[in-house]
Amino acid sequence: MGAKSLTAPASTKLYDQDFAAWAEATARLLREGRLDQLDIEILAEEVESMAKRDRAELRSRLRVLLMHLLKWGWQPGERSSSWHSTILEQRSEMEDVLERSPSLRPTLAESVARAYPAAAKRASIETGLPLKVFPRECPFSVDQILGEDFLPER
């Protein structure tokens, strides 16, 4: 089934059967201006989901980064190049997300607040330290979290 003969119902069926083929066919139809052949509702849902994916990726990377910053600060005797590498990698990947979606930057403080409890819980599990050892709220500023050279020293 090529994009030339794709109708809205056929587009929906293709979406259900093969997402990659649907996306390519939809892109062709958009470029050709054949909007009457698009399933607009599915297309709108997919566009919305792209924004949600960036937001979810940012929060996920924040959780991992915060967990490693906590481990670094609260278990100095266990520090490793692996932890440091993970911190650098998460910061780099977060910057990529923020470059792609700069509108997420003003929401970072809220994202940190939402990601921190899970990060602290995971840090507790990975370190064996009681959860109450870690601050109830994130002890790091957004600038520290994103800061290329920041590593917590307690």
N, C-alpha and C. Protein backbone atom coordinates (compact mmCIF):
# COMPACT_ATOMS: atom_id res chain seq x y z
N MET A 1 0.86 -1.18 0.00
CA MET A 1 0.00 0.00 0.00
C MET A 1 0.90 1.23 0.00
N GLY A 2 0.93 2.02 -1.06
CA GLY A 2 1.77 3.20 -1.14
C GLY A 2 1.04 4.43 -0.68
N ALA A 3 1.74 5.49 -0.48
CA ALA A 3 1.15 6.74 -0.03
C ALA A 3 0.20 7.30 -1.08
N LYS A 4 0.41 6.94 -2.36
CA LYS A 4 -0.41 7.48 -3.43
C LYS A 4 -1.88 7.09 -3.27
N SER A 5 -2.15 5.89 -2.75
CA SER A 5 -3.53 5.44 -2.65
C SER A 5 -4.04 5.39 -1.21
N LEU A 6 -3.29 6.01 -0.29
CA LEU A 6 -3.66 5.94 1.12
C LEU A 6 -4.86 6.83 1.39
N THR A 7 -5.89 6.26 2.00
CA THR A 7 -7.05 7.03 2.44
C THR A 7 -6.99 7.11 3.96
N ALA A 8 -7.81 7.96 4.57
CA ALA A 8 -7.79 8.11 6.03
C ALA A 8 -8.03 6.76 6.74
N PRO A 9 -9.04 5.97 6.33
CA PRO A 9 -9.20 4.67 6.99
C PRO A 9 -8.01 3.74 6.77
N ALA A 10 -7.43 3.78 5.56
CA ALA A 10 -6.25 2.95 5.28
C ALA A 10 -5.07 3.44 6.13
N SER A 11 -4.98 4.75 6.32
CA SER A 11 -3.93 5.33 7.15
C SER A 11 -4.05 4.82 8.58
N THR A 12 -5.26 4.77 9.10
CA THR A 12 -5.49 4.28 10.45
C THR A 12 -5.09 2.81 10.56
N LYS A 13 -5.44 2.02 9.56
CA LYS A 13 -5.09 0.60 9.57
C LYS A 13 -3.57 0.44 9.53
N LEU A 14 -2.91 1.22 8.66
CA LEU A 14 -1.46 1.15 8.56
C LEU A 14 -0.83 1.55 9.89
N TYR A 15 -1.35 2.58 10.54
CA TYR A 15 -0.86 3.02 11.85
C TYR A 15 -0.89 1.86 12.85
N ASP A 16 -1.99 1.12 12.85
CA ASP A 16 -2.14 -0.01 13.77
C ASP A 16 -1.20 -1.17 13.44
N GLN A 17 -0.85 -1.31 12.17
CA GLN A 17 -0.04 -2.46 11.74
C GLN A 17 1.46 -2.18 11.71
N ASP A 18 1.86 -0.96 11.31
CA ASP A 18 3.27 -0.67 11.12
C ASP A 18 3.50 0.83 11.29
N PHE A 19 3.89 1.22 12.50
CA PHE A 19 4.04 2.64 12.82
C PHE A 19 5.04 3.33 11.89
N ALA A 20 6.19 2.71 11.65
CA ALA A 20 7.21 3.35 10.81
C ALA A 20 6.68 3.61 9.40
N ALA A 21 5.99 2.62 8.82
CA ALA A 21 5.42 2.80 7.48
C ALA A 21 4.36 3.90 7.50
N TRP A 22 3.55 3.93 8.56
CA TRP A 22 2.52 4.98 8.70
C TRP A 22 3.18 6.35 8.75
N ALA A 23 4.24 6.49 9.55
CA ALA A 23 4.91 7.79 9.71
C ALA A 23 5.49 8.26 8.37
N GLU A 24 6.10 7.35 7.63
CA GLU A 24 6.67 7.72 6.33
C GLU A 24 5.58 8.11 5.34
N ALA A 25 4.50 7.35 5.32
CA ALA A 25 3.39 7.66 4.41
C ALA A 25 2.75 8.99 4.79
N THR A 26 2.60 9.22 6.08
CA THR A 26 2.00 10.48 6.55
C THR A 26 2.88 11.66 6.18
N ALA A 27 4.19 11.53 6.34
CA ALA A 27 5.12 12.61 5.96
C ALA A 27 5.00 12.91 4.46
N ARG A 28 4.90 11.86 3.64
CA ARG A 28 4.74 12.08 2.19
C ARG A 28 3.45 12.83 1.90
N LEU A 29 2.36 12.40 2.54
CA LEU A 29 1.08 13.07 2.31
C LEU A 29 1.13 14.53 2.74
N LEU A 30 1.79 14.80 3.86
CA LEU A 30 1.92 16.19 4.32
C LEU A 30 2.72 17.02 3.31
N ARG A 31 3.82 16.48 2.85
CA ARG A 31 4.66 17.20 1.88
C ARG A 31 3.91 17.45 0.58
N GLU A 32 3.07 16.52 0.20
CA GLU A 32 2.31 16.65 -1.05
C GLU A 32 1.04 17.48 -0.87
N GLY A 33 0.77 17.89 0.38
CA GLY A 33 -0.41 18.70 0.63
C GLY A 33 -1.71 17.94 0.55
N ARG A 34 -1.65 16.63 0.69
CA ARG A 34 -2.85 15.78 0.57
C ARG A 34 -3.47 15.57 1.95
N LEU A 35 -3.88 16.66 2.56
CA LEU A 35 -4.36 16.64 3.93
C LEU A 35 -5.67 15.86 4.10
N ASP A 36 -6.45 15.80 3.04
CA ASP A 36 -7.72 15.08 3.10
C ASP A 36 -7.52 13.57 3.27
N GLN A 37 -6.30 13.09 3.04
CA GLN A 37 -6.02 11.66 3.16
C GLN A 37 -5.38 11.30 4.51
N LEU A 38 -5.25 12.29 5.37
CA LEU A 38 -4.63 12.06 6.68
C LEU A 38 -5.67 11.74 7.74
N ASP A 39 -5.28 10.92 8.69
CA ASP A 39 -6.10 10.74 9.89
C ASP A 39 -5.62 11.79 10.87
N ILE A 40 -6.29 12.93 10.88
CA ILE A 40 -5.86 14.10 11.64
C ILE A 40 -5.80 13.81 13.13
N GLU A 41 -6.74 13.04 13.64
CA GLU A 41 -6.76 12.75 15.08
C GLU A 41 -5.51 11.97 15.50
N ILE A 42 -5.17 10.94 14.74
CA ILE A 42 -3.97 10.17 15.07
C ILE A 42 -2.73 11.05 14.93
N LEU A 43 -2.68 11.84 13.88
CA LEU A 43 -1.54 12.73 13.66
C LEU A 43 -1.40 13.71 14.84
N ALA A 44 -2.50 14.30 15.28
CA ALA A 44 -2.47 15.23 16.43
C ALA A 44 -1.98 14.53 17.69
N GLU A 45 -2.45 13.30 17.92
CA GLU A 45 -2.01 12.54 19.10
C GLU A 45 -0.51 12.27 19.05
N GLU A 46 0.00 11.95 17.87
CA GLU A 46 1.43 11.67 17.74
C GLU A 46 2.27 12.93 17.95
N VAL A 47 1.80 14.06 17.45
CA VAL A 47 2.52 15.31 17.67
C VAL A 47 2.54 15.66 19.15
N GLU A 48 1.41 15.51 19.82
CA GLU A 48 1.36 15.75 21.27
C GLU A 48 2.29 14.81 22.02
N SER A 49 2.35 13.57 21.60
CA SER A 49 3.18 12.60 22.30
C SER A 49 4.67 12.93 22.17
N MET A 50 5.05 13.63 21.11
CA MET A 50 6.46 14.02 20.96
C MET A 50 6.86 14.96 22.09
N ALA A 51 6.00 15.91 22.43
CA ALA A 51 6.28 16.83 23.54
C ALA A 51 6.33 16.07 24.86
N LYS A 52 5.42 15.13 25.02
CA LYS A 52 5.40 14.34 26.25
C LYS A 52 6.66 13.49 26.37
N ARG A 53 7.16 12.99 25.25
CA ARG A 53 8.39 12.17 25.28
C ARG A 53 9.58 12.99 25.76
N ASP A 54 9.71 14.22 25.28
CA ASP A 54 10.82 15.05 25.73
C ASP A 54 10.71 15.36 27.22
N ARG A 55 9.51 15.66 27.67
CA ARG A 55 9.29 15.95 29.09
C ARG A 55 9.61 14.71 29.93
N ALA A 56 9.17 13.55 29.49
CA ALA A 56 9.42 12.30 30.22
C ALA A 56 10.91 11.96 30.19
N GLU A 57 11.56 12.18 29.06
CA GLU A 57 13.00 11.89 28.98
C GLU A 57 13.77 12.80 29.93
N LEU A 58 13.40 14.06 29.98
CA LEU A 58 14.07 15.01 30.86
C LEU A 58 13.92 14.57 32.32
N ARG A 59 12.70 14.19 32.71
CA ARG A 59 12.46 13.75 34.09
C ARG A 59 13.22 12.47 34.40
N SER A 60 13.26 11.55 33.48
CA SER A 60 13.98 10.29 33.69
C SER A 60 15.48 10.56 33.87
N ARG A 61 16.02 11.40 33.02
CA ARG A 61 17.45 11.72 33.13
C ARG A 61 17.73 12.49 34.42
N LEU A 62 16.81 13.32 34.83
CA LEU A 62 16.95 14.03 36.10
C LEU A 62 17.01 13.06 37.27
N ARG A 63 16.13 12.06 37.26
CA ARG A 63 16.12 11.07 38.35
C ARG A 63 17.47 10.37 38.45
N VAL A 64 18.00 9.95 37.31
CA VAL A 64 19.29 9.25 37.31
C VAL A 64 20.40 10.19 37.77
N LEU A 65 20.41 11.40 37.25
CA LEU A 65 21.43 12.37 37.62
C LEU A 65 21.37 12.70 39.11
N LEU A 66 20.18 12.99 39.60
CA LEU A 66 20.03 13.31 41.02
C LEU A 66 20.46 12.15 41.91
N MET A 67 20.09 10.93 41.53
CA MET A 67 20.48 9.76 42.30
C MET A 67 22.01 9.68 42.38
N HIS A 68 22.68 9.90 41.27
CA HIS A 68 24.14 9.81 41.27
C HIS A 68 24.78 10.97 42.02
N LEU A 69 24.19 12.15 41.95
CA LEU A 69 24.71 13.27 42.75
C LEU A 69 24.57 12.97 44.24
N LEU A 70 23.45 12.38 44.63
CA LEU A 70 23.27 12.00 46.03
C LEU A 70 24.28 10.94 46.44
N LYS A 71 24.43 9.93 45.62
CA LYS A 71 25.41 8.88 45.92
C LYS A 71 26.81 9.50 46.06
N TRP A 72 27.16 10.39 45.15
CA TRP A 72 28.46 11.02 45.16
C TRP A 72 28.67 11.82 46.46
N GLY A 73 27.66 12.57 46.85
CA GLY A 73 27.78 13.41 48.04
C GLY A 73 27.70 12.65 49.36
N TRP A 74 26.89 11.60 49.39
CA TRP A 74 26.64 10.91 50.66
C TRP A 74 27.46 9.63 50.83
N GLN A 75 28.15 9.23 49.82
CA GLN A 75 29.03 8.06 49.93
C GLN A 75 30.39 8.35 49.28
N PRO A 76 31.11 9.31 49.83
CA PRO A 76 32.38 9.71 49.20
C PRO A 76 33.39 8.57 49.09
N GLY A 77 33.35 7.63 50.00
CA GLY A 77 34.28 6.52 49.95
C GLY A 77 34.00 5.52 48.84
N GLU A 78 32.84 5.62 48.23
CA GLU A 78 32.43 4.68 47.17
C GLU A 78 32.48 5.30 45.78
N ARG A 79 32.90 6.55 45.68
CA ARG A 79 32.92 7.25 44.40
C ARG A 79 33.69 6.45 43.36
N SER A 80 33.17 6.50 42.13
CA SER A 80 33.83 5.75 41.06
C SER A 80 33.80 6.55 39.77
N SER A 81 34.65 6.14 38.86
CA SER A 81 34.64 6.79 37.54
C SER A 81 33.32 6.50 36.83
N SER A 82 32.70 5.38 37.14
CA SER A 82 31.40 5.05 36.55
C SER A 82 30.33 6.05 36.99
N TRP A 83 30.32 6.38 38.28
CA TRP A 83 29.36 7.38 38.77
C TRP A 83 29.61 8.71 38.08
N HIS A 84 30.88 9.11 38.02
CA HIS A 84 31.22 10.39 37.39
C HIS A 84 30.80 10.39 35.92
N SER A 85 31.05 9.30 35.23
CA SER A 85 30.66 9.17 33.83
C SER A 85 29.15 9.28 33.66
N THR A 86 28.41 8.64 34.54
CA THR A 86 26.94 8.71 34.47
C THR A 86 26.46 10.13 34.69
N ILE A 87 27.06 10.84 35.63
CA ILE A 87 26.69 12.24 35.88
C ILE A 87 26.92 13.08 34.62
N LEU A 88 28.09 12.93 34.02
CA LEU A 88 28.40 13.69 32.81
C LEU A 88 27.47 13.33 31.66
N GLU A 89 27.19 12.05 31.49
CA GLU A 89 26.32 11.59 30.41
C GLU A 89 24.90 12.13 30.57
N GLN A 90 24.36 12.08 31.78
CA GLN A 90 23.00 12.56 32.00
C GLN A 90 22.91 14.06 31.76
N ARG A 91 23.91 14.80 32.20
CA ARG A 91 23.92 16.25 31.95
C ARG A 91 23.95 16.53 30.45
N SER A 92 24.79 15.82 29.73
CA SER A 92 24.91 16.02 28.29
C SER A 92 23.59 15.70 27.59
N GLU A 93 22.98 14.59 27.95
CA GLU A 93 21.71 14.19 27.33
C GLU A 93 20.59 15.17 27.70
N MET A 94 20.60 15.68 28.93
CA MET A 94 19.60 16.67 29.32
C MET A 94 19.76 17.95 28.51
N GLU A 95 21.01 18.37 28.29
CA GLU A 95 21.24 19.57 27.47
C GLU A 95 20.73 19.35 26.05
N ASP A 96 20.89 18.14 25.52
CA ASP A 96 20.36 17.84 24.19
C ASP A 96 18.84 17.99 24.16
N VAL A 97 18.17 17.47 25.20
CA VAL A 97 16.70 17.60 25.28
C VAL A 97 16.32 19.07 25.36
N LEU A 98 17.05 19.84 26.18
CA LEU A 98 16.73 21.26 26.36
C LEU A 98 17.02 22.08 25.11
N GLU A 99 18.00 21.66 24.33
CA GLU A 99 18.26 22.31 23.04
C GLU A 99 17.12 22.04 22.07
N ARG A 100 16.65 20.79 22.08
CA ARG A 100 15.56 20.38 21.19
C ARG A 100 14.24 21.02 21.60
N SER A 101 14.06 21.17 22.92
CA SER A 101 12.80 21.71 23.46
C SER A 101 13.10 22.77 24.52
N PRO A 102 13.55 23.96 24.10
CA PRO A 102 13.93 24.99 25.07
C PRO A 102 12.78 25.44 25.98
N SER A 103 11.55 25.19 25.57
CA SER A 103 10.42 25.57 26.41
C SER A 103 10.37 24.77 27.71
N LEU A 104 11.14 23.68 27.79
CA LEU A 104 11.19 22.89 29.02
C LEU A 104 12.13 23.50 30.06
N ARG A 105 13.04 24.36 29.64
CA ARG A 105 14.01 24.94 30.58
C ARG A 105 13.33 25.68 31.74
N PRO A 106 12.32 26.52 31.49
CA PRO A 106 11.67 27.21 32.62
C PRO A 106 10.94 26.26 33.58
N THR A 107 10.71 25.03 33.17
CA THR A 107 10.00 24.07 34.03
C THR A 107 10.97 23.18 34.82
N LEU A 108 12.27 23.45 34.71
CA LEU A 108 13.26 22.58 35.35
C LEU A 108 13.10 22.50 36.87
N ALA A 109 12.85 23.62 37.53
CA ALA A 109 12.72 23.59 39.00
C ALA A 109 11.57 22.67 39.40
N GLU A 110 10.46 22.76 38.69
CA GLU A 110 9.33 21.87 38.97
C GLU A 110 9.68 20.42 38.66
N SER A 111 10.38 20.19 37.56
CA SER A 111 10.77 18.83 37.20
C SER A 111 11.72 18.24 38.24
N VAL A 112 12.63 19.05 38.75
CA VAL A 112 13.54 18.59 39.80
C VAL A 112 12.74 18.19 41.03
N ALA A 113 11.80 19.05 41.43
CA ALA A 113 10.98 18.76 42.61
C ALA A 113 10.19 17.46 42.43
N ARG A 114 9.72 17.21 41.24
CA ARG A 114 8.96 15.98 40.98
C ARG A 114 9.85 14.75 40.88
N ALA A 115 11.06 14.92 40.35
CA ALA A 115 11.97 13.78 40.16
C ALA A 115 12.73 13.42 41.43
N TYR A 116 12.94 14.37 42.31
CA TYR A 116 13.81 14.15 43.46
C TYR A 116 13.36 13.01 44.39
N PRO A 117 12.10 12.91 44.79
CA PRO A 117 11.73 11.83 45.71
C PRO A 117 12.11 10.44 45.19
N ALA A 118 11.87 10.18 43.93
CA ALA A 118 12.23 8.88 43.35
C ALA A 118 13.74 8.72 43.30
N ALA A 119 14.46 9.80 43.01
CA ALA A 119 15.92 9.74 42.97
C ALA A 119 16.47 9.43 44.36
N ALA A 120 15.92 10.07 45.38
CA ALA A 120 16.38 9.82 46.75
C ALA A 120 16.09 8.38 47.16
N LYS A 121 14.94 7.89 46.79
CA LYS A 121 14.58 6.51 47.13
C LYS A 121 15.54 5.53 46.45
N ARG A 122 15.84 5.75 45.18
CA ARG A 122 16.77 4.88 44.46
C ARG A 122 18.18 4.99 45.03
N ALA A 123 18.58 6.21 45.43
CA ALA A 123 19.90 6.39 46.04
C ALA A 123 19.96 5.62 47.36
N SER A 124 18.88 5.64 48.11
CA SER A 124 18.82 4.89 49.37
C SER A 124 18.98 3.39 49.11
N ILE A 125 18.28 2.90 48.13
CA ILE A 125 18.35 1.47 47.80
C ILE A 125 19.76 1.10 47.34
N GLU A 126 20.34 1.92 46.45
CA GLU A 126 21.65 1.58 45.89
C GLU A 126 22.79 1.74 46.88
N THR A 127 22.65 2.68 47.82
CA THR A 127 23.72 2.90 48.79
C THR A 127 23.55 2.07 50.05
N GLY A 128 22.32 1.63 50.31
CA GLY A 128 22.04 0.94 51.56
C GLY A 128 21.85 1.91 52.72
N LEU A 129 21.88 3.20 52.43
CA LEU A 129 21.65 4.21 53.46
C LEU A 129 20.15 4.41 53.67
N PRO A 130 19.73 4.68 54.90
CA PRO A 130 18.30 4.94 55.12
C PRO A 130 17.85 6.18 54.35
N LEU A 131 16.64 6.16 53.85
CA LEU A 131 16.09 7.28 53.09
C LEU A 131 16.18 8.58 53.89
N LYS A 132 15.99 8.50 55.21
CA LYS A 132 15.97 9.71 56.05
C LYS A 132 17.34 10.40 56.09
N VAL A 133 18.41 9.74 55.62
CA VAL A 133 19.74 10.35 55.56
C VAL A 133 19.76 11.47 54.52
N PHE A 134 18.98 11.30 53.48
CA PHE A 134 18.96 12.28 52.39
C PHE A 134 17.96 13.39 52.71
N PRO A 135 18.24 14.62 52.26
CA PRO A 135 17.30 15.73 52.48
C PRO A 135 15.93 15.43 51.90
N ARG A 136 14.90 15.97 52.55
CA ARG A 136 13.52 15.77 52.07
C ARG A 136 13.31 16.44 50.71
N GLU A 137 13.96 17.58 50.52
CA GLU A 137 13.87 18.30 49.25
C GLU A 137 15.25 18.33 48.61
N CYS A 138 15.27 18.50 47.33
CA CYS A 138 16.52 18.47 46.58
C CYS A 138 17.50 19.52 47.11
N PRO A 139 18.70 19.09 47.50
CA PRO A 139 19.68 20.03 48.04
C PRO A 139 20.49 20.78 46.98
N PHE A 140 20.21 20.51 45.73
CA PHE A 140 20.98 21.11 44.64
C PHE A 140 20.12 22.09 43.86
N SER A 141 20.72 23.20 43.45
CA SER A 141 20.01 24.16 42.60
C SER A 141 20.02 23.63 41.16
N VAL A 142 19.16 24.20 40.34
CA VAL A 142 19.12 23.82 38.92
C VAL A 142 20.48 24.10 38.29
N ASP A 143 21.09 25.24 38.65
CA ASP A 143 22.40 25.56 38.08
C ASP A 143 23.45 24.53 38.49
N GLN A 144 23.40 24.06 39.72
CA GLN A 144 24.34 23.01 40.15
C GLN A 144 24.08 21.71 39.40
N ILE A 145 22.81 21.35 39.30
CA ILE A 145 22.45 20.10 38.63
C ILE A 145 22.96 20.08 37.20
N LEU A 146 22.80 21.19 36.51
CA LEU A 146 23.23 21.26 35.11
C LEU A 146 24.69 21.65 34.96
N GLY A 147 25.29 22.16 36.03
CA GLY A 147 26.66 22.67 35.98
C GLY A 147 27.65 21.61 35.59
N GLU A 148 28.44 21.92 34.61
CA GLU A 148 29.38 20.98 34.03
C GLU A 148 30.36 20.41 35.06
N ASP A 149 30.77 21.24 36.02
CA ASP A 149 31.81 20.82 36.96
C ASP A 149 31.32 20.56 38.37
N PHE A 150 30.02 20.74 38.62
CA PHE A 150 29.54 20.57 40.00
C PHE A 150 29.47 19.11 40.41
N LEU A 151 30.10 18.82 41.53
CA LEU A 151 29.98 17.52 42.20
C LEU A 151 29.83 17.84 43.69
N PRO A 152 28.82 17.30 44.33
CA PRO A 152 28.58 17.67 45.73
C PRO A 152 29.68 17.14 46.67
N GLU A 153 30.09 18.01 47.56
CA GLU A 153 31.05 17.63 48.61
C GLU A 153 30.36 17.92 49.93
N ARG A 154 30.28 16.90 50.78
CA ARG A 154 29.64 17.11 52.08
C ARG A 154 30.67 17.22 53.16
